[in-house]
Amino acid sequence: INAEYGEFQTFQHYFKRINLSTGMLGFEFKVPEMDFEGQKMAEILQYVILGVFGIAGFIWGYLCESFEQTFYVVSVGSLIASLVVLPPWPYFRKNPLPFHSSTVTVKPSKKVVQTKKKKN
C-alpha cells in the first residue's frame, strides 16, 4: 500500500490494530454459532423447504400456464428457507461441543542428543 497510509503496510497490519470484538459503546458482541447437529438439521430443512416450494411452484405454474408464477412461488420458498436456516436460531444450538479447559500446561521435554565419536 502507498506511503500515504502511514505505518500500515498491509491490510492485515491495519486489522490487527483494530479490535473488532468491541464496538464503539465498549461492549462485546459475539454471534452465536450452530453446532454440527444444528448444521445437519438446517441442511435438511433447507432441502425440504426448497423441494416443497419447487414442486408447489411447478404445479401452480402449470395450472396457471405461467412460468412467472412458478418463479414467484420458488422465490418465496427461497426467502422462507433463508429466514429459517441462515440465522443461528436456538434450536440449531442444542448440542454444543464440550471443550476442554485450557488450564493444563504442557512443559516441553528436554531431549538429550548423543553424538558418536569418530575413530581414526
PDB file of N, CA and C in Angstrom:
ATOM      1  N   ILE A   1       0.859  -1.176   0.000  1.00  0.00           N
ATOM      2  CA  ILE A   1       0.000   0.000   0.000  1.00  0.00           C
ATOM      3  C   ILE A   1       0.900   1.232   0.000  1.00  0.00           C
ATOM      4  N   ASN A   2       0.401   2.287  -0.536  1.00  0.00           N
ATOM      5  CA  ASN A   2       1.186   3.512  -0.685  1.00  0.00           C
ATOM      6  C   ASN A   2       1.634   4.071   0.662  1.00  0.00           C
ATOM      7  N   ALA A   3       2.612   4.949   0.573  1.00  0.00           N
ATOM      8  CA  ALA A   3       3.148   5.570   1.788  1.00  0.00           C
ATOM      9  C   ALA A   3       2.163   6.544   2.411  1.00  0.00           C
ATOM     10  N   GLU A   4       1.136   6.938   1.669  1.00  0.00           N
ATOM     11  CA  GLU A   4       0.172   7.896   2.223  1.00  0.00           C
ATOM     12  C   GLU A   4      -0.649   7.307   3.367  1.00  0.00           C
ATOM     13  N   TYR A   5      -0.665   5.966   3.489  1.00  0.00           N
ATOM     14  CA  TYR A   5      -1.404   5.340   4.569  1.00  0.00           C
ATOM     15  C   TYR A   5      -0.598   5.260   5.853  1.00  0.00           C
ATOM     16  N   GLY A   6       0.614   5.753   5.825  1.00  0.00           N
ATOM     17  CA  GLY A   6       1.405   5.812   7.048  1.00  0.00           C
ATOM     18  C   GLY A   6       2.037   4.486   7.399  1.00  0.00           C
ATOM     19  N   GLU A   7       1.909   4.089   8.667  1.00  0.00           N
ATOM     20  CA  GLU A   7       2.614   2.933   9.170  1.00  0.00           C
ATOM     21  C   GLU A   7       1.981   1.605   8.773  1.00  0.00           C
ATOM     22  N   PHE A   8       0.774   1.596   8.258  1.00  0.00           N
ATOM     23  CA  PHE A   8       0.115   0.347   7.897  1.00  0.00           C
ATOM     24  C   PHE A   8       0.617  -0.116   6.537  1.00  0.00           C
ATOM     25  N   GLN A   9       1.370  -1.184   6.530  1.00  0.00           N
ATOM     26  CA  GLN A   9       1.954  -1.675   5.286  1.00  0.00           C
ATOM     27  C   GLN A   9       0.994  -2.594   4.533  1.00  0.00           C
ATOM     28  N   THR A  10       0.196  -3.364   5.223  1.00  0.00           N
ATOM     29  CA  THR A  10      -0.763  -4.261   4.586  1.00  0.00           C
ATOM     30  C   THR A  10      -2.095  -4.140   5.299  1.00  0.00           C
ATOM     31  N   PHE A  11      -3.106  -4.721   4.694  1.00  0.00           N
ATOM     32  CA  PHE A  11      -4.427  -4.723   5.331  1.00  0.00           C
ATOM     33  C   PHE A  11      -4.411  -5.539   6.614  1.00  0.00           C
ATOM     34  N   GLN A  12      -3.588  -6.604   6.657  1.00  0.00           N
ATOM     35  CA  GLN A  12      -3.522  -7.414   7.859  1.00  0.00           C
ATOM     36  C   GLN A  12      -3.002  -6.598   9.042  1.00  0.00           C
ATOM     37  N   HIS A  13      -2.000  -5.740   8.805  1.00  0.00           N
ATOM     38  CA  HIS A  13      -1.493  -4.889   9.878  1.00  0.00           C
ATOM     39  C   HIS A  13      -2.578  -3.934  10.368  1.00  0.00           C
ATOM     40  N   TYR A  14      -3.368  -3.431   9.439  1.00  0.00           N
ATOM     41  CA  TYR A  14      -4.423  -2.494   9.813  1.00  0.00           C
ATOM     42  C   TYR A  14      -5.473  -3.182  10.674  1.00  0.00           C
ATOM     43  N   PHE A  15      -5.902  -4.372  10.274  1.00  0.00           N
ATOM     44  CA  PHE A  15      -6.955  -5.045  11.023  1.00  0.00           C
ATOM     45  C   PHE A  15      -6.455  -5.625  12.330  1.00  0.00           C
ATOM     46  N   LYS A  16      -5.174  -5.934  12.430  1.00  0.00           N
ATOM     47  CA  LYS A  16      -4.640  -6.391  13.707  1.00  0.00           C
ATOM     48  C   LYS A  16      -4.669  -5.269  14.728  1.00  0.00           C
ATOM     49  N   ARG A  17      -4.566  -4.056  14.253  1.00  0.00           N
ATOM     50  CA  ARG A  17      -4.543  -2.914  15.160  1.00  0.00           C
ATOM     51  C   ARG A  17      -5.934  -2.557  15.668  1.00  0.00           C
ATOM     52  N   ILE A  18      -6.969  -2.866  14.897  1.00  0.00           N
ATOM     53  CA  ILE A  18      -8.338  -2.562  15.300  1.00  0.00           C
ATOM     54  C   ILE A  18      -8.898  -3.749  16.075  1.00  0.00           C
ATOM     55  N   ASN A  19      -9.503  -3.503  17.214  1.00  0.00           N
ATOM     56  CA  ASN A  19     -10.142  -4.559  17.980  1.00  0.00           C
ATOM     57  C   ASN A  19     -11.570  -4.704  17.466  1.00  0.00           C
ATOM     58  N   LEU A  20     -11.807  -5.735  16.656  1.00  0.00           N
ATOM     59  CA  LEU A  20     -13.111  -5.904  16.024  1.00  0.00           C
ATOM     60  C   LEU A  20     -14.157  -6.507  16.952  1.00  0.00           C
ATOM     61  N   SER A  21     -13.752  -7.016  18.116  1.00  0.00           N
ATOM     62  CA  SER A  21     -14.716  -7.647  19.001  1.00  0.00           C
ATOM     63  C   SER A  21     -15.457  -6.643  19.880  1.00  0.00           C
ATOM     64  N   THR A  22     -14.966  -5.442  20.032  1.00  0.00           N
ATOM     65  CA  THR A  22     -15.656  -4.447  20.838  1.00  0.00           C
ATOM     66  C   THR A  22     -16.146  -3.330  19.936  1.00  0.00           C
ATOM     67  N   GLY A  23     -17.337  -2.883  20.204  1.00  0.00           N
ATOM     68  CA  GLY A  23     -17.916  -1.823  19.401  1.00  0.00           C
ATOM     69  C   GLY A  23     -17.565  -0.459  19.951  1.00  0.00           C
ATOM     70  N   MET A  24     -18.213   0.534  19.416  1.00  0.00           N
ATOM     71  CA  MET A  24     -17.934   1.902  19.849  1.00  0.00           C
ATOM     72  C   MET A  24     -18.445   2.158  21.262  1.00  0.00           C
ATOM     73  N   LEU A  25     -19.439   1.387  21.688  1.00  0.00           N
ATOM     74  CA  LEU A  25     -20.012   1.604  23.013  1.00  0.00           C
ATOM     75  C   LEU A  25     -19.277   0.850  24.107  1.00  0.00           C
ATOM     76  N   GLY A  26     -18.304   0.017  23.746  1.00  0.00           N
ATOM     77  CA  GLY A  26     -17.496  -0.668  24.730  1.00  0.00           C
ATOM     78  C   GLY A  26     -18.010  -2.026  25.148  1.00  0.00           C
ATOM     79  N   PHE A  27     -19.019  -2.594  24.500  1.00  0.00           N
ATOM     80  CA  PHE A  27     -19.482  -3.921  24.852  1.00  0.00           C
ATOM     81  C   PHE A  27     -19.117  -4.890  23.738  1.00  0.00           C
ATOM     82  N   GLU A  28     -18.958  -6.131  24.134  1.00  0.00           N
ATOM     83  CA  GLU A  28     -18.551  -7.147  23.176  1.00  0.00           C
ATOM     84  C   GLU A  28     -19.781  -7.815  22.575  1.00  0.00           C
ATOM     85  N   PHE A  29     -19.778  -7.990  21.274  1.00  0.00           N
ATOM     86  CA  PHE A  29     -20.881  -8.620  20.569  1.00  0.00           C
ATOM     87  C   PHE A  29     -20.365  -9.886  19.911  1.00  0.00           C
ATOM     88  N   LYS A  30     -20.882 -11.024  20.334  1.00  0.00           N
ATOM     89  CA  LYS A  30     -20.449 -12.297  19.776  1.00  0.00           C
ATOM     90  C   LYS A  30     -21.649 -12.976  19.134  1.00  0.00           C
ATOM     91  N   VAL A  31     -21.483 -13.376  17.885  1.00  0.00           N
ATOM     92  CA  VAL A  31     -22.551 -14.062  17.172  1.00  0.00           C
ATOM     93  C   VAL A  31     -22.522 -15.529  17.575  1.00  0.00           C
ATOM     94  N   PRO A  32     -23.643 -16.069  18.066  1.00  0.00           N
ATOM     95  CA  PRO A  32     -23.653 -17.492  18.419  1.00  0.00           C
ATOM     96  C   PRO A  32     -23.542 -18.350  17.167  1.00  0.00           C
ATOM     97  N   GLU A  33     -22.941 -19.513  17.315  1.00  0.00           N
ATOM     98  CA  GLU A  33     -22.704 -20.392  16.182  1.00  0.00           C
ATOM     99  C   GLU A  33     -23.512 -21.671  16.322  1.00  0.00           C
ATOM    100  N   MET A  34     -23.855 -22.258  15.175  1.00  0.00           N
ATOM    101  CA  MET A  34     -24.559 -23.538  15.163  1.00  0.00           C
ATOM    102  C   MET A  34     -23.595 -24.658  15.515  1.00  0.00           C
ATOM    103  N   ASP A  35     -24.125 -25.706  16.129  1.00  0.00           N
ATOM    104  CA  ASP A  35     -23.309 -26.889  16.341  1.00  0.00           C
ATOM    105  C   ASP A  35     -23.475 -27.812  15.127  1.00  0.00           C
ATOM    106  N   PHE A  36     -22.776 -28.948  15.151  1.00  0.00           N
ATOM    107  CA  PHE A  36     -22.798 -29.832  13.994  1.00  0.00           C
ATOM    108  C   PHE A  36     -24.180 -30.430  13.754  1.00  0.00           C
ATOM    109  N   GLU A  37     -24.867 -30.788  14.817  1.00  0.00           N
ATOM    110  CA  GLU A  37     -26.220 -31.329  14.661  1.00  0.00           C
ATOM    111  C   GLU A  37     -27.166 -30.263  14.117  1.00  0.00           C
ATOM    112  N   GLY A  38     -26.988 -29.030  14.544  1.00  0.00           N
ATOM    113  CA  GLY A  38     -27.798 -27.931  14.029  1.00  0.00           C
ATOM    114  C   GLY A  38     -27.539 -27.675  12.560  1.00  0.00           C
ATOM    115  N   GLN A  39     -26.289 -27.804  12.129  1.00  0.00           N
ATOM    116  CA  GLN A  39     -25.969 -27.638  10.715  1.00  0.00           C
ATOM    117  C   GLN A  39     -26.619 -28.731   9.881  1.00  0.00           C
ATOM    118  N   LYS A  40     -26.616 -29.952  10.410  1.00  0.00           N
ATOM    119  CA  LYS A  40     -27.247 -31.071   9.705  1.00  0.00           C
ATOM    120  C   LYS A  40     -28.749 -30.835   9.590  1.00  0.00           C
ATOM    121  N   MET A  41     -29.382 -30.383  10.684  1.00  0.00           N
ATOM    122  CA  MET A  41     -30.813 -30.114  10.665  1.00  0.00           C
ATOM    123  C   MET A  41     -31.134 -28.941   9.735  1.00  0.00           C
ATOM    124  N   ALA A  42     -30.284 -27.919   9.697  1.00  0.00           N
ATOM    125  CA  ALA A  42     -30.505 -26.771   8.819  1.00  0.00           C
ATOM    126  C   ALA A  42     -30.415 -27.185   7.355  1.00  0.00           C
ATOM    127  N   GLU A  43     -29.483 -28.061   7.045  1.00  0.00           N
ATOM    128  CA  GLU A  43     -29.350 -28.525   5.664  1.00  0.00           C
ATOM    129  C   GLU A  43     -30.577 -29.331   5.243  1.00  0.00           C
ATOM    130  N   ILE A  44     -31.055 -30.204   6.106  1.00  0.00           N
ATOM    131  CA  ILE A  44     -32.248 -31.000   5.788  1.00  0.00           C
ATOM    132  C   ILE A  44     -33.461 -30.098   5.627  1.00  0.00           C
ATOM    133  N   LEU A  45     -33.619 -29.123   6.548  1.00  0.00           N
ATOM    134  CA  LEU A  45     -34.735 -28.177   6.440  1.00  0.00           C
ATOM    135  C   LEU A  45     -34.687 -27.383   5.141  1.00  0.00           C
ATOM    136  N   GLN A  46     -33.492 -26.978   4.746  1.00  0.00           N
ATOM    137  CA  GLN A  46     -33.346 -26.222   3.503  1.00  0.00           C
ATOM    138  C   GLN A  46     -33.810 -27.060   2.315  1.00  0.00           C
ATOM    139  N   TYR A  47     -33.369 -28.317   2.244  1.00  0.00           N
ATOM    140  CA  TYR A  47     -33.766 -29.178   1.135  1.00  0.00           C
ATOM    141  C   TYR A  47     -35.272 -29.429   1.122  1.00  0.00           C
ATOM    142  N   VAL A  48     -35.850 -29.628   2.303  1.00  0.00           N
ATOM    143  CA  VAL A  48     -37.288 -29.893   2.379  1.00  0.00           C
ATOM    144  C   VAL A  48     -38.090 -28.662   1.951  1.00  0.00           C
ATOM    145  N   ILE A  49     -37.733 -27.503   2.475  1.00  0.00           N
ATOM    146  CA  ILE A  49     -38.470 -26.273   2.142  1.00  0.00           C
ATOM    147  C   ILE A  49     -38.350 -25.957   0.653  1.00  0.00           C
ATOM    148  N   LEU A  50     -37.140 -26.018   0.115  1.00  0.00           N
ATOM    149  CA  LEU A  50     -36.965 -25.720  -1.306  1.00  0.00           C
ATOM    150  C   LEU A  50     -37.640 -26.765  -2.186  1.00  0.00           C
ATOM    151  N   GLY A  51     -37.627 -28.019  -1.776  1.00  0.00           N
ATOM    152  CA  GLY A  51     -38.301 -29.069  -2.541  1.00  0.00           C
ATOM    153  C   GLY A  51     -39.803 -28.893  -2.568  1.00  0.00           C
ATOM    154  N   VAL A  52     -40.385 -28.613  -1.394  1.00  0.00           N
ATOM    155  CA  VAL A  52     -41.840 -28.419  -1.318  1.00  0.00           C
ATOM    156  C   VAL A  52     -42.264 -27.210  -2.146  1.00  0.00           C
ATOM    157  N   PHE A  53     -41.561 -26.109  -2.007  1.00  0.00           N
ATOM    158  CA  PHE A  53     -41.929 -24.919  -2.777  1.00  0.00           C
ATOM    159  C   PHE A  53     -41.623 -25.086  -4.267  1.00  0.00           C
ATOM    160  N   GLY A  54     -40.609 -25.869  -4.604  1.00  0.00           N
ATOM    161  CA  GLY A  54     -40.317 -26.134  -6.008  1.00  0.00           C
ATOM    162  C   GLY A  54     -41.417 -26.944  -6.667  1.00  0.00           C
ATOM    163  N   ILE A  55     -41.868 -27.994  -5.980  1.00  0.00           N
ATOM    164  CA  ILE A  55     -42.958 -28.810  -6.525  1.00  0.00           C
ATOM    165  C   ILE A  55     -44.254 -28.010  -6.573  1.00  0.00           C
ATOM    166  N   ALA A  56     -44.553 -27.276  -5.494  1.00  0.00           N
ATOM    167  CA  ALA A  56     -45.771 -26.454  -5.474  1.00  0.00           C
ATOM    168  C   ALA A  56     -45.711 -25.382  -6.554  1.00  0.00           C
ATOM    169  N   GLY A  57     -44.548 -24.777  -6.757  1.00  0.00           N
ATOM    170  CA  GLY A  57     -44.402 -23.756  -7.797  1.00  0.00           C
ATOM    171  C   GLY A  57     -44.582 -24.331  -9.186  1.00  0.00           C
ATOM    172  N   PHE A  58     -44.053 -25.546  -9.402  1.00  0.00           N
ATOM    173  CA  PHE A  58     -44.220 -26.188 -10.702  1.00  0.00           C
ATOM    174  C   PHE A  58     -45.693 -26.482 -10.978  1.00  0.00           C
ATOM    175  N   ILE A  59     -46.379 -27.018  -9.976  1.00  0.00           N
ATOM    176  CA  ILE A  59     -47.810 -27.342 -10.153  1.00  0.00           C
ATOM    177  C   ILE A  59     -48.622 -26.068 -10.366  1.00  0.00           C
ATOM    178  N   TRP A  60     -48.365 -25.044  -9.551  1.00  0.00           N
ATOM    179  CA  TRP A  60     -49.104 -23.784  -9.685  1.00  0.00           C
ATOM    180  C   TRP A  60     -48.823 -23.123 -11.040  1.00  0.00           C
ATOM    181  N   GLY A  61     -47.581 -23.137 -11.444  1.00  0.00           N
ATOM    182  CA  GLY A  61     -47.229 -22.562 -12.745  1.00  0.00           C
ATOM    183  C   GLY A  61     -47.826 -23.339 -13.901  1.00  0.00           C
ATOM    184  N   TYR A  62     -47.918 -24.663 -13.766  1.00  0.00           N
ATOM    185  CA  TYR A  62     -48.531 -25.490 -14.808  1.00  0.00           C
ATOM    186  C   TYR A  62     -50.024 -25.207 -14.914  1.00  0.00           C
ATOM    187  N   LEU A  63     -50.685 -25.074 -13.741  1.00  0.00           N
ATOM    188  CA  LEU A  63     -52.131 -24.792 -13.752  1.00  0.00           C
ATOM    189  C   LEU A  63     -52.421 -23.403 -14.308  1.00  0.00           C
ATOM    190  N   CYS A  64     -51.565 -22.439 -13.990  1.00  0.00           N
ATOM    191  CA  CYS A  64     -51.760 -21.071 -14.487  1.00  0.00           C
ATOM    192  C   CYS A  64     -51.180 -20.878 -15.887  1.00  0.00           C
ATOM    193  N   GLU A  65     -50.416 -21.866 -16.353  1.00  0.00           N
ATOM    194  CA  GLU A  65     -49.712 -21.785 -17.632  1.00  0.00           C
ATOM    195  C   GLU A  65     -48.812 -20.545 -17.693  1.00  0.00           C
ATOM    196  N   SER A  66     -48.082 -20.349 -16.580  1.00  0.00           N
ATOM    197  CA  SER A  66     -47.216 -19.178 -16.485  1.00  0.00           C
ATOM    198  C   SER A  66     -45.945 -19.538 -15.714  1.00  0.00           C
ATOM    199  N   PHE A  67     -44.810 -19.366 -16.387  1.00  0.00           N
ATOM    200  CA  PHE A  67     -43.535 -19.590 -15.712  1.00  0.00           C
ATOM    201  C   PHE A  67     -43.281 -18.515 -14.668  1.00  0.00           C
ATOM    202  N   GLU A  68     -43.866 -17.355 -14.857  1.00  0.00           N
ATOM    203  CA  GLU A  68     -43.706 -16.260 -13.902  1.00  0.00           C
ATOM    204  C   GLU A  68     -44.265 -16.641 -12.533  1.00  0.00           C
ATOM    205  N   GLN A  69     -45.395 -17.311 -12.527  1.00  0.00           N
ATOM    206  CA  GLN A  69     -45.982 -17.758 -11.254  1.00  0.00           C
ATOM    207  C   GLN A  69     -45.093 -18.803 -10.573  1.00  0.00           C
ATOM    208  N   THR A  70     -44.507 -19.690 -11.375  1.00  0.00           N
ATOM    209  CA  THR A  70     -43.568 -20.673 -10.823  1.00  0.00           C
ATOM    210  C   THR A  70     -42.392 -19.966 -10.171  1.00  0.00           C
ATOM    211  N   PHE A  71     -41.863 -18.973 -10.850  1.00  0.00           N
ATOM    212  CA  PHE A  71     -40.734 -18.212 -10.326  1.00  0.00           C
ATOM    213  C   PHE A  71     -41.096 -17.528  -9.014  1.00  0.00           C
ATOM    214  N   TYR A  72     -42.292 -16.951  -8.930  1.00  0.00           N
ATOM    215  CA  TYR A  72     -42.705 -16.270  -7.701  1.00  0.00           C
ATOM    216  C   TYR A  72     -42.814 -17.245  -6.529  1.00  0.00           C
ATOM    217  N   VAL A  73     -43.396 -18.408  -6.764  1.00  0.00           N
ATOM    218  CA  VAL A  73     -43.568 -19.383  -5.681  1.00  0.00           C
ATOM    219  C   VAL A  73     -42.201 -19.893  -5.210  1.00  0.00           C
ATOM    220  N   VAL A  74     -41.313 -20.201  -6.141  1.00  0.00           N
ATOM    221  CA  VAL A  74     -39.985 -20.684  -5.771  1.00  0.00           C
ATOM    222  C   VAL A  74     -39.182 -19.577  -5.072  1.00  0.00           C
ATOM    223  N   SER A  75     -39.364 -18.325  -5.487  1.00  0.00           N
ATOM    224  CA  SER A  75     -38.672 -17.209  -4.834  1.00  0.00           C
ATOM    225  C   SER A  75     -39.140 -17.033  -3.398  1.00  0.00           C
ATOM    226  N   VAL A  76     -40.438 -17.167  -3.164  1.00  0.00           N
ATOM    227  CA  VAL A  76     -40.958 -17.087  -1.790  1.00  0.00           C
ATOM    228  C   VAL A  76     -40.399 -18.235  -0.958  1.00  0.00           C
ATOM    229  N   GLY A  77     -40.311 -19.423  -1.562  1.00  0.00           N
ATOM    230  CA  GLY A  77     -39.724 -20.566  -0.857  1.00  0.00           C
ATOM    231  C   GLY A  77     -38.268 -20.331  -0.509  1.00  0.00           C
ATOM    232  N   SER A  78     -37.521 -19.720  -1.414  1.00  0.00           N
ATOM    233  CA  SER A  78     -36.118 -19.410  -1.132  1.00  0.00           C
ATOM    234  C   SER A  78     -35.986 -18.393  -0.006  1.00  0.00           C
ATOM    235  N   LEU A  79     -36.864 -17.403   0.008  1.00  0.00           N
ATOM    236  CA  LEU A  79     -36.847 -16.405   1.076  1.00  0.00           C
ATOM    237  C   LEU A  79     -37.179 -17.040   2.421  1.00  0.00           C
ATOM    238  N   ILE A  80     -38.194 -17.885   2.442  1.00  0.00           N
ATOM    239  CA  ILE A  80     -38.571 -18.556   3.693  1.00  0.00           C
ATOM    240  C   ILE A  80     -37.448 -19.482   4.168  1.00  0.00           C
ATOM    241  N   ALA A  81     -36.836 -20.228   3.232  1.00  0.00           N
ATOM    242  CA  ALA A  81     -35.723 -21.117   3.603  1.00  0.00           C
ATOM    243  C   ALA A  81     -34.561 -20.312   4.171  1.00  0.00           C
ATOM    244  N   SER A  82     -34.293 -19.155   3.589  1.00  0.00           N
ATOM    245  CA  SER A  82     -33.206 -18.310   4.103  1.00  0.00           C
ATOM    246  C   SER A  82     -33.505 -17.809   5.505  1.00  0.00           C
ATOM    247  N   LEU A  83     -34.741 -17.405   5.751  1.00  0.00           N
ATOM    248  CA  LEU A  83     -35.101 -16.906   7.081  1.00  0.00           C
ATOM    249  C   LEU A  83     -35.091 -18.010   8.131  1.00  0.00           C
ATOM    250  N   VAL A  84     -35.377 -19.231   7.720  1.00  0.00           N
ATOM    251  CA  VAL A  84     -35.403 -20.341   8.668  1.00  0.00           C
ATOM    252  C   VAL A  84     -34.004 -20.880   8.929  1.00  0.00           C
ATOM    253  N   VAL A  85     -33.162 -20.941   7.903  1.00  0.00           N
ATOM    254  CA  VAL A  85     -31.898 -21.657   8.002  1.00  0.00           C
ATOM    255  C   VAL A  85     -30.702 -20.764   8.330  1.00  0.00           C
ATOM    256  N   LEU A  86     -30.624 -19.563   7.791  1.00  0.00           N
ATOM    257  CA  LEU A  86     -29.412 -18.752   7.937  1.00  0.00           C
ATOM    258  C   LEU A  86     -29.138 -18.246   9.344  1.00  0.00           C
ATOM    259  N   PRO A  87     -30.096 -17.671  10.066  1.00  0.00           N
ATOM    260  CA  PRO A  87     -29.763 -17.211  11.425  1.00  0.00           C
ATOM    261  C   PRO A  87     -29.506 -18.397  12.362  1.00  0.00           C
ATOM    262  N   PRO A  88     -28.612 -18.248  13.319  1.00  0.00           N
ATOM    263  CA  PRO A  88     -28.359 -19.344  14.269  1.00  0.00           C
ATOM    264  C   PRO A  88     -29.426 -19.385  15.356  1.00  0.00           C
ATOM    265  N   TRP A  89     -30.606 -19.857  15.008  1.00  0.00           N
ATOM    266  CA  TRP A  89     -31.704 -19.949  15.964  1.00  0.00           C
ATOM    267  C   TRP A  89     -31.343 -20.891  17.101  1.00  0.00           C
ATOM    268  N   PRO A  90     -31.980 -20.740  18.281  1.00  0.00           N
ATOM    269  CA  PRO A  90     -31.624 -21.592  19.427  1.00  0.00           C
ATOM    270  C   PRO A  90     -31.816 -23.085  19.181  1.00  0.00           C
ATOM    271  N   TYR A  91     -32.758 -23.487  18.340  1.00  0.00           N
ATOM    272  CA  TYR A  91     -32.935 -24.917  18.101  1.00  0.00           C
ATOM    273  C   TYR A  91     -31.830 -25.498  17.223  1.00  0.00           C
ATOM    274  N   PHE A  92     -30.958 -24.667  16.676  1.00  0.00           N
ATOM    275  CA  PHE A  92     -29.770 -25.148  15.967  1.00  0.00           C
ATOM    276  C   PHE A  92     -28.564 -25.241  16.897  1.00  0.00           C
ATOM    277  N   ARG A  93     -28.719 -24.811  18.150  1.00  0.00           N
ATOM    278  CA  ARG A  93     -27.592 -24.792  19.102  1.00  0.00           C
ATOM    279  C   ARG A  93     -27.864 -25.646  20.328  1.00  0.00           C
ATOM    280  N   LYS A  94     -28.592 -26.741  20.175  1.00  0.00           N
ATOM    281  CA  LYS A  94     -28.945 -27.574  21.323  1.00  0.00           C
ATOM    282  C   LYS A  94     -27.844 -28.540  21.748  1.00  0.00           C
ATOM    283  N   ASN A  95     -26.906 -28.859  20.881  1.00  0.00           N
ATOM    284  CA  ASN A  95     -25.865 -29.843  21.172  1.00  0.00           C
ATOM    285  C   ASN A  95     -24.470 -29.227  21.050  1.00  0.00           C
ATOM    286  N   PRO A  96     -24.083 -28.345  21.965  1.00  0.00           N
ATOM    287  CA  PRO A  96     -22.747 -27.736  21.847  1.00  0.00           C
ATOM    288  C   PRO A  96     -21.650 -28.759  22.125  1.00  0.00           C
ATOM    289  N   LEU A  97     -20.504 -28.526  21.540  1.00  0.00           N
ATOM    290  CA  LEU A  97     -19.370 -29.404  21.760  1.00  0.00           C
ATOM    291  C   LEU A  97     -18.725 -29.091  23.107  1.00  0.00           C
ATOM    292  N   PRO A  98     -18.403 -30.123  23.886  1.00  0.00           N
ATOM    293  CA  PRO A  98     -17.713 -29.861  25.157  1.00  0.00           C
ATOM    294  C   PRO A  98     -16.229 -29.611  24.894  1.00  0.00           C
ATOM    295  N   PHE A  99     -15.777 -28.427  25.262  1.00  0.00           N
ATOM    296  CA  PHE A  99     -14.375 -28.087  25.089  1.00  0.00           C
ATOM    297  C   PHE A  99     -13.635 -28.336  26.398  1.00  0.00           C
ATOM    298  N   HIS A 100     -12.384 -28.744  26.277  1.00  0.00           N
ATOM    299  CA  HIS A 100     -11.563 -28.948  27.461  1.00  0.00           C
ATOM    300  C   HIS A 100     -11.073 -27.600  27.968  1.00  0.00           C
ATOM    301  N   SER A 101     -10.848 -27.524  29.259  1.00  0.00           N
ATOM    302  CA  SER A 101     -10.344 -26.273  29.813  1.00  0.00           C
ATOM    303  C   SER A 101      -8.891 -26.086  29.397  1.00  0.00           C
ATOM    304  N   SER A 102      -8.497 -24.847  29.316  1.00  0.00           N
ATOM    305  CA  SER A 102      -7.136 -24.540  28.882  1.00  0.00           C
ATOM    306  C   SER A 102      -6.190 -24.319  30.054  1.00  0.00           C
ATOM    307  N   THR A 103      -6.532 -24.828  31.234  1.00  0.00           N
ATOM    308  CA  THR A 103      -5.690 -24.618  32.406  1.00  0.00           C
ATOM    309  C   THR A 103      -4.503 -25.573  32.442  1.00  0.00           C
ATOM    310  N   VAL A 104      -4.541 -26.639  31.673  1.00  0.00           N
ATOM    311  CA  VAL A 104      -3.447 -27.602  31.671  1.00  0.00           C
ATOM    312  C   VAL A 104      -2.323 -27.068  30.799  1.00  0.00           C
ATOM    313  N   THR A 105      -1.150 -26.998  31.382  1.00  0.00           N
ATOM    314  CA  THR A 105       0.007 -26.536  30.615  1.00  0.00           C
ATOM    315  C   THR A 105       0.950 -27.715  30.384  1.00  0.00           C
ATOM    316  N   VAL A 106       1.520 -27.757  29.230  1.00  0.00           N
ATOM    317  CA  VAL A 106       2.442 -28.833  28.885  1.00  0.00           C
ATOM    318  C   VAL A 106       3.853 -28.279  28.914  1.00  0.00           C
ATOM    319  N   LYS A 107       4.699 -28.917  29.697  1.00  0.00           N
ATOM    320  CA  LYS A 107       6.087 -28.485  29.786  1.00  0.00           C
ATOM    321  C   LYS A 107       6.880 -29.190  28.686  1.00  0.00           C
ATOM    322  N   PRO A 108       7.684 -28.446  27.983  1.00  0.00           N
ATOM    323  CA  PRO A 108       8.481 -29.092  26.928  1.00  0.00           C
ATOM    324  C   PRO A 108       9.523 -30.025  27.542  1.00  0.00           C
ATOM    325  N   SER A 109       9.665 -31.174  26.938  1.00  0.00           N
ATOM    326  CA  SER A 109      10.647 -32.132  27.453  1.00  0.00           C
ATOM    327  C   SER A 109      12.017 -31.837  26.857  1.00  0.00           C
ATOM    328  N   LYS A 110      13.030 -32.088  27.656  1.00  0.00           N
ATOM    329  CA  LYS A 110      14.393 -31.862  27.195  1.00  0.00           C
ATOM    330  C   LYS A 110      14.891 -33.145  26.540  1.00  0.00           C
ATOM    331  N   LYS A 111      15.334 -33.023  25.325  1.00  0.00           N
ATOM    332  CA  LYS A 111      15.862 -34.179  24.610  1.00  0.00           C
ATOM    333  C   LYS A 111      17.383 -34.172  24.715  1.00  0.00           C
ATOM    334  N   VAL A 112      17.924 -35.320  24.984  1.00  0.00           N
ATOM    335  CA  VAL A 112      19.370 -35.467  25.070  1.00  0.00           C
ATOM    336  C   VAL A 112      19.837 -36.022  23.737  1.00  0.00           C
ATOM    337  N   VAL A 113      20.726 -35.310  23.119  1.00  0.00           N
ATOM    338  CA  VAL A 113      21.262 -35.737  21.833  1.00  0.00           C
ATOM    339  C   VAL A 113      22.608 -36.390  22.074  1.00  0.00           C
ATOM    340  N   GLN A 114      22.741 -37.624  21.637  1.00  0.00           N
ATOM    341  CA  GLN A 114      24.006 -38.335  21.787  1.00  0.00           C
ATOM    342  C   GLN A 114      24.757 -38.273  20.471  1.00  0.00           C
ATOM    343  N   THR A 115      26.003 -37.970  20.603  1.00  0.00           N
ATOM    344  CA  THR A 115      26.847 -37.922  19.403  1.00  0.00           C
ATOM    345  C   THR A 115      27.860 -39.053  19.460  1.00  0.00           C
ATOM    346  N   LYS A 116      28.150 -39.617  18.316  1.00  0.00           N
ATOM    347  CA  LYS A 116      29.124 -40.680  18.245  1.00  0.00           C
ATOM    348  C   LYS A 116      30.500 -40.089  17.944  1.00  0.00           C
ATOM    349  N   LYS A 117      31.504 -40.634  18.597  1.00  0.00           N
ATOM    350  CA  LYS A 117      32.851 -40.184  18.375  1.00  0.00           C
ATOM    351  C   LYS A 117      33.421 -40.958  17.187  1.00  0.00           C
ATOM    352  N   LYS A 118      34.119 -40.243  16.341  1.00  0.00           N
ATOM    353  CA  LYS A 118      34.757 -40.884  15.197  1.00  0.00           C
ATOM    354  C   LYS A 118      36.051 -41.555  15.605  1.00  0.00           C
ATOM    355  N   LYS A 119      36.275 -42.741  15.071  1.00  0.00           N
ATOM    356  CA  LYS A 119      37.538 -43.437  15.298  1.00  0.00           C
ATOM    357  C   LYS A 119      38.443 -43.176  14.136  1.00  0.00           C
ATOM    358  N   ASN A 120      39.689 -42.911  14.436  1.00  0.00           N
ATOM    359  CA  ASN A 120      40.666 -42.660  13.368  1.00  0.00           C
ATOM    360  C   ASN A 120      41.378 -43.878  12.954  1.00  0.00           C
TER     361      ASN A 120
END
